N, C-alpha and C. Protein backbone atom coordinates (compact mmCIF):
# COMPACT_ATOMS: atom_id res chain seq x y z
N UNK A 1 -15.17 -13.72 -13.56
CA UNK A 1 -14.31 -12.71 -14.10
C UNK A 1 -12.85 -13.11 -13.94
N UNK A 2 -12.54 -13.75 -12.82
CA UNK A 2 -11.18 -14.21 -12.60
C UNK A 2 -10.77 -15.21 -13.66
N UNK A 3 -11.70 -16.10 -13.99
CA UNK A 3 -11.39 -17.09 -15.05
C UNK A 3 -11.13 -16.40 -16.37
N UNK A 4 -11.92 -15.38 -16.69
CA UNK A 4 -11.72 -14.65 -17.95
C UNK A 4 -10.33 -14.00 -17.97
N UNK A 5 -9.94 -13.39 -16.86
CA UNK A 5 -8.63 -12.76 -16.77
C UNK A 5 -7.52 -13.80 -16.89
N UNK A 6 -7.69 -14.92 -16.22
CA UNK A 6 -6.69 -15.99 -16.27
C UNK A 6 -6.52 -16.48 -17.70
N UNK A 7 -7.64 -16.74 -18.36
CA UNK A 7 -7.58 -17.19 -19.76
C UNK A 7 -6.93 -16.13 -20.65
N UNK A 8 -7.28 -14.86 -20.42
CA UNK A 8 -6.69 -13.78 -21.21
C UNK A 8 -5.19 -13.71 -21.03
N UNK A 9 -4.74 -13.81 -19.79
CA UNK A 9 -3.31 -13.71 -19.51
C UNK A 9 -2.54 -14.91 -20.04
N UNK A 10 -3.00 -16.11 -19.74
CA UNK A 10 -2.22 -17.30 -20.05
C UNK A 10 -2.52 -17.92 -21.41
N UNK A 11 -3.67 -17.64 -21.98
CA UNK A 11 -3.99 -18.23 -23.29
C UNK A 11 -3.82 -17.26 -24.44
N UNK A 12 -4.03 -15.95 -24.15
CA UNK A 12 -3.99 -14.98 -25.25
C UNK A 12 -2.99 -13.84 -25.01
N UNK A 13 -2.21 -13.92 -23.93
CA UNK A 13 -1.20 -12.93 -23.61
C UNK A 13 -1.77 -11.51 -23.58
N UNK A 14 -2.94 -11.37 -22.95
CA UNK A 14 -3.62 -10.08 -22.83
C UNK A 14 -3.16 -9.39 -21.56
N UNK A 15 -2.95 -8.09 -21.62
CA UNK A 15 -2.56 -7.29 -20.47
C UNK A 15 -3.75 -7.19 -19.52
N UNK A 16 -3.68 -7.88 -18.39
CA UNK A 16 -4.82 -7.88 -17.46
C UNK A 16 -4.84 -6.65 -16.57
N UNK A 17 -3.88 -5.75 -16.72
CA UNK A 17 -3.90 -4.50 -15.96
C UNK A 17 -4.54 -3.36 -16.74
N UNK A 18 -4.83 -3.59 -18.00
CA UNK A 18 -5.45 -2.57 -18.85
C UNK A 18 -6.96 -2.51 -18.55
N UNK A 19 -7.45 -1.33 -18.24
CA UNK A 19 -8.86 -1.20 -17.82
C UNK A 19 -9.84 -1.63 -18.91
N UNK A 20 -9.54 -1.38 -20.18
CA UNK A 20 -10.44 -1.84 -21.24
C UNK A 20 -10.51 -3.36 -21.30
N UNK A 21 -9.37 -4.01 -21.07
CA UNK A 21 -9.37 -5.47 -21.04
C UNK A 21 -10.15 -6.00 -19.84
N UNK A 22 -10.00 -5.34 -18.71
CA UNK A 22 -10.75 -5.76 -17.52
C UNK A 22 -12.25 -5.60 -17.78
N UNK A 23 -12.64 -4.55 -18.46
CA UNK A 23 -14.05 -4.37 -18.80
C UNK A 23 -14.54 -5.51 -19.70
N UNK A 24 -13.70 -5.93 -20.64
CA UNK A 24 -14.12 -7.03 -21.52
C UNK A 24 -14.20 -8.35 -20.74
N UNK A 25 -13.31 -8.55 -19.76
CA UNK A 25 -13.41 -9.74 -18.91
C UNK A 25 -14.72 -9.72 -18.13
N UNK A 26 -15.06 -8.54 -17.60
CA UNK A 26 -16.29 -8.39 -16.83
C UNK A 26 -17.51 -8.68 -17.71
N UNK A 27 -17.50 -8.16 -18.92
CA UNK A 27 -18.62 -8.40 -19.84
C UNK A 27 -18.73 -9.88 -20.17
N UNK A 28 -17.60 -10.52 -20.45
CA UNK A 28 -17.62 -11.95 -20.79
C UNK A 28 -18.08 -12.80 -19.62
N UNK A 29 -17.81 -12.34 -18.40
CA UNK A 29 -18.21 -13.09 -17.21
C UNK A 29 -19.65 -12.76 -16.79
N UNK A 30 -20.28 -11.80 -17.46
CA UNK A 30 -21.65 -11.46 -17.13
C UNK A 30 -21.80 -10.59 -15.89
N UNK A 31 -20.75 -9.83 -15.56
CA UNK A 31 -20.84 -8.91 -14.41
C UNK A 31 -21.91 -7.87 -14.74
N UNK A 32 -22.92 -7.72 -13.89
CA UNK A 32 -24.05 -6.85 -14.23
C UNK A 32 -23.72 -5.35 -14.29
N UNK A 33 -22.75 -4.89 -13.52
CA UNK A 33 -22.44 -3.46 -13.50
C UNK A 33 -20.92 -3.26 -13.43
N UNK A 34 -20.23 -3.48 -14.57
CA UNK A 34 -18.77 -3.34 -14.56
C UNK A 34 -18.29 -1.96 -14.12
N UNK A 35 -18.99 -0.90 -14.51
CA UNK A 35 -18.56 0.45 -14.13
C UNK A 35 -18.70 0.66 -12.63
N UNK A 36 -19.75 0.12 -12.04
CA UNK A 36 -19.92 0.20 -10.60
C UNK A 36 -18.81 -0.55 -9.88
N UNK A 37 -18.40 -1.69 -10.45
CA UNK A 37 -17.30 -2.45 -9.88
C UNK A 37 -16.01 -1.65 -9.93
N UNK A 38 -15.76 -0.96 -11.05
CA UNK A 38 -14.58 -0.11 -11.17
C UNK A 38 -14.59 1.00 -10.12
N UNK A 39 -15.73 1.64 -9.95
CA UNK A 39 -15.82 2.72 -8.96
C UNK A 39 -15.58 2.19 -7.55
N UNK A 40 -16.15 1.02 -7.26
CA UNK A 40 -15.95 0.41 -5.95
C UNK A 40 -14.47 0.10 -5.72
N UNK A 41 -13.79 -0.36 -6.76
CA UNK A 41 -12.38 -0.74 -6.62
C UNK A 41 -11.47 0.45 -6.36
N UNK A 42 -11.91 1.64 -6.68
CA UNK A 42 -11.10 2.84 -6.48
C UNK A 42 -11.24 3.43 -5.10
N UNK A 43 -12.21 2.97 -4.34
CA UNK A 43 -12.50 3.57 -3.04
C UNK A 43 -11.60 3.07 -1.93
N UNK A 44 -11.63 3.76 -0.82
CA UNK A 44 -10.83 3.41 0.34
C UNK A 44 -11.21 2.08 0.96
N UNK A 45 -12.49 1.73 0.85
CA UNK A 45 -12.94 0.46 1.43
C UNK A 45 -12.27 -0.72 0.74
N UNK A 46 -12.17 -0.66 -0.59
CA UNK A 46 -11.50 -1.74 -1.34
C UNK A 46 -10.02 -1.80 -0.99
N UNK A 47 -9.38 -0.64 -0.86
CA UNK A 47 -7.96 -0.59 -0.48
C UNK A 47 -7.75 -1.21 0.90
N UNK A 48 -8.63 -0.88 1.84
CA UNK A 48 -8.51 -1.43 3.19
C UNK A 48 -8.72 -2.93 3.18
N UNK A 49 -9.67 -3.40 2.37
CA UNK A 49 -9.91 -4.85 2.29
C UNK A 49 -8.68 -5.56 1.74
N UNK A 50 -8.02 -4.97 0.76
CA UNK A 50 -6.79 -5.55 0.22
C UNK A 50 -5.70 -5.61 1.31
N UNK A 51 -5.56 -4.54 2.07
CA UNK A 51 -4.58 -4.51 3.17
C UNK A 51 -4.91 -5.60 4.20
N UNK A 52 -6.19 -5.70 4.56
CA UNK A 52 -6.61 -6.71 5.54
C UNK A 52 -6.36 -8.13 5.02
N UNK A 53 -6.69 -8.36 3.76
CA UNK A 53 -6.48 -9.69 3.18
C UNK A 53 -5.01 -10.05 3.11
N UNK A 54 -4.18 -9.07 2.74
CA UNK A 54 -2.73 -9.30 2.67
C UNK A 54 -2.17 -9.60 4.06
N UNK A 55 -2.62 -8.85 5.04
CA UNK A 55 -2.17 -9.08 6.42
C UNK A 55 -2.56 -10.48 6.88
N UNK A 56 -3.80 -10.88 6.61
CA UNK A 56 -4.26 -12.22 6.99
C UNK A 56 -3.43 -13.29 6.28
N UNK A 57 -3.13 -13.09 5.00
CA UNK A 57 -2.33 -14.06 4.25
C UNK A 57 -0.94 -14.20 4.87
N UNK A 58 -0.32 -13.10 5.19
CA UNK A 58 1.02 -13.15 5.80
C UNK A 58 0.98 -13.82 7.17
N UNK A 59 -0.02 -13.50 7.96
CA UNK A 59 -0.13 -14.09 9.29
C UNK A 59 -0.40 -15.59 9.23
N UNK A 60 -1.09 -16.05 8.19
CA UNK A 60 -1.38 -17.48 8.07
C UNK A 60 -0.28 -18.24 7.34
N UNK A 61 0.82 -17.55 7.04
CA UNK A 61 1.99 -18.15 6.40
C UNK A 61 1.70 -18.60 4.97
N UNK A 62 0.84 -17.86 4.29
CA UNK A 62 0.51 -18.13 2.89
C UNK A 62 1.79 -18.18 2.07
N UNK A 63 1.90 -19.19 1.21
CA UNK A 63 3.10 -19.32 0.40
C UNK A 63 2.83 -19.48 -1.08
N UNK A 64 1.61 -19.25 -1.51
CA UNK A 64 1.31 -19.36 -2.93
C UNK A 64 -0.15 -19.07 -3.21
N UNK A 65 -0.50 -19.22 -4.46
CA UNK A 65 -1.88 -18.98 -4.88
C UNK A 65 -2.32 -20.12 -5.79
N UNK A 66 -3.55 -20.53 -5.68
CA UNK A 66 -4.56 -19.99 -4.78
C UNK A 66 -4.38 -20.49 -3.35
N UNK A 67 -4.72 -19.63 -2.41
CA UNK A 67 -4.61 -19.93 -0.97
C UNK A 67 -5.97 -19.64 -0.35
N UNK A 68 -6.48 -20.59 0.39
CA UNK A 68 -7.79 -20.43 1.02
C UNK A 68 -7.68 -20.69 2.51
N UNK A 69 -8.34 -19.90 3.30
CA UNK A 69 -8.48 -20.18 4.73
C UNK A 69 -9.96 -20.17 5.06
N UNK A 70 -10.40 -21.17 5.79
CA UNK A 70 -11.81 -21.26 6.18
C UNK A 70 -11.88 -21.71 7.63
N UNK A 71 -12.94 -21.31 8.31
CA UNK A 71 -13.20 -21.78 9.66
C UNK A 71 -13.99 -23.08 9.55
N UNK A 72 -13.45 -24.14 10.14
CA UNK A 72 -14.13 -25.43 10.12
C UNK A 72 -15.44 -25.29 10.88
N UNK A 73 -16.57 -25.65 10.26
CA UNK A 73 -17.88 -25.41 10.89
C UNK A 73 -18.12 -26.22 12.17
N UNK A 74 -17.40 -27.31 12.36
CA UNK A 74 -17.61 -28.14 13.56
C UNK A 74 -16.57 -27.82 14.63
N UNK A 75 -15.31 -27.81 14.26
CA UNK A 75 -14.24 -27.63 15.24
C UNK A 75 -13.92 -26.16 15.50
N UNK A 76 -14.29 -25.28 14.54
CA UNK A 76 -13.96 -23.87 14.65
C UNK A 76 -12.50 -23.57 14.31
N UNK A 77 -11.76 -24.61 14.01
CA UNK A 77 -10.34 -24.45 13.69
C UNK A 77 -10.18 -23.79 12.32
N UNK A 78 -9.18 -22.93 12.20
CA UNK A 78 -8.89 -22.26 10.93
C UNK A 78 -8.12 -23.23 10.05
N UNK A 79 -8.72 -23.65 8.94
CA UNK A 79 -8.10 -24.60 8.01
C UNK A 79 -7.49 -23.84 6.85
N UNK A 80 -6.35 -24.30 6.36
CA UNK A 80 -5.64 -23.65 5.25
C UNK A 80 -5.51 -24.64 4.10
N UNK A 81 -5.71 -24.12 2.89
CA UNK A 81 -5.61 -24.93 1.69
C UNK A 81 -4.80 -24.19 0.64
N UNK A 82 -3.87 -24.90 0.02
CA UNK A 82 -3.07 -24.32 -1.06
C UNK A 82 -3.26 -25.16 -2.31
N UNK A 83 -3.57 -24.50 -3.39
CA UNK A 83 -3.63 -25.16 -4.69
C UNK A 83 -5.03 -25.53 -5.13
N UNK A 84 -5.21 -25.47 -6.42
CA UNK A 84 -6.50 -25.80 -7.03
C UNK A 84 -6.88 -27.26 -6.76
N UNK A 85 -5.86 -28.12 -6.63
CA UNK A 85 -6.14 -29.54 -6.41
C UNK A 85 -6.70 -29.83 -5.02
N UNK A 86 -6.82 -28.82 -4.18
CA UNK A 86 -7.38 -28.99 -2.84
C UNK A 86 -8.83 -28.50 -2.75
N UNK A 87 -9.41 -28.10 -3.85
CA UNK A 87 -10.77 -27.57 -3.83
C UNK A 87 -11.79 -28.59 -3.35
N UNK A 88 -11.63 -29.83 -3.77
CA UNK A 88 -12.58 -30.86 -3.34
C UNK A 88 -12.51 -31.04 -1.82
N UNK A 89 -11.30 -31.02 -1.26
CA UNK A 89 -11.12 -31.16 0.18
C UNK A 89 -11.72 -29.95 0.91
N UNK A 90 -11.51 -28.76 0.37
CA UNK A 90 -12.08 -27.55 0.96
C UNK A 90 -13.60 -27.66 0.99
N UNK A 91 -14.18 -28.10 -0.12
CA UNK A 91 -15.63 -28.29 -0.17
C UNK A 91 -16.14 -29.26 0.88
N UNK A 92 -15.39 -30.33 1.09
CA UNK A 92 -15.76 -31.31 2.10
C UNK A 92 -15.79 -30.67 3.48
N UNK A 93 -14.77 -29.85 3.80
CA UNK A 93 -14.69 -29.20 5.11
C UNK A 93 -15.87 -28.26 5.35
N UNK A 94 -16.26 -27.51 4.33
CA UNK A 94 -17.35 -26.54 4.52
C UNK A 94 -18.73 -27.10 4.19
N UNK A 95 -18.77 -28.40 3.81
CA UNK A 95 -20.05 -29.04 3.55
C UNK A 95 -20.67 -28.70 2.21
N UNK A 96 -19.82 -28.41 1.22
CA UNK A 96 -20.31 -28.09 -0.12
C UNK A 96 -19.65 -29.03 -1.12
N UNK A 97 -20.44 -29.54 -2.06
CA UNK A 97 -19.89 -30.40 -3.09
C UNK A 97 -19.09 -29.56 -4.10
N UNK A 98 -17.88 -30.00 -4.39
CA UNK A 98 -17.08 -29.34 -5.42
C UNK A 98 -17.44 -29.98 -6.76
N UNK A 99 -17.89 -29.15 -7.70
CA UNK A 99 -18.37 -29.65 -8.98
C UNK A 99 -17.40 -29.41 -10.11
N UNK A 100 -16.15 -29.09 -9.78
CA UNK A 100 -15.14 -28.88 -10.81
C UNK A 100 -14.96 -27.41 -11.12
N UNK A 101 -13.90 -27.13 -11.87
CA UNK A 101 -13.58 -25.73 -12.17
C UNK A 101 -14.47 -25.14 -13.25
N UNK A 102 -15.20 -25.97 -13.96
CA UNK A 102 -16.09 -25.47 -15.00
C UNK A 102 -17.37 -26.30 -14.98
N UNK A 103 -18.19 -26.15 -13.91
CA UNK A 103 -19.36 -27.01 -13.75
C UNK A 103 -20.43 -26.74 -14.80
N UNK A 104 -21.24 -27.76 -15.09
CA UNK A 104 -22.35 -27.53 -16.03
C UNK A 104 -23.30 -26.50 -15.48
N UNK A 105 -23.83 -25.67 -16.35
CA UNK A 105 -24.79 -24.65 -15.94
C UNK A 105 -26.15 -25.30 -15.72
N UNK A 106 -26.77 -24.94 -14.61
CA UNK A 106 -28.09 -25.53 -14.29
C UNK A 106 -29.20 -24.62 -14.70
């Protein structure tokens, strides 16, 4: 769904804050229950998660997007990654192969 929104914003100049557009992004991404997702996003739990994520980003000195923090599975150290070009390195740290931003469907 994020990819659909990104493409809408940067390729077609679509307002990604419009709820009808968000529904179309969800449909294009194959989200099974877009209305349930909307209801979930309106609740206090989602708001608290946003607050927690923002606090964590500020505490980790986040300076851009995309920003990823992961716990290294061997050392336990909190690793930080900035930028799409670091996805392969992030995958290496967590033991997952990075197959690109648009991998073939299996």
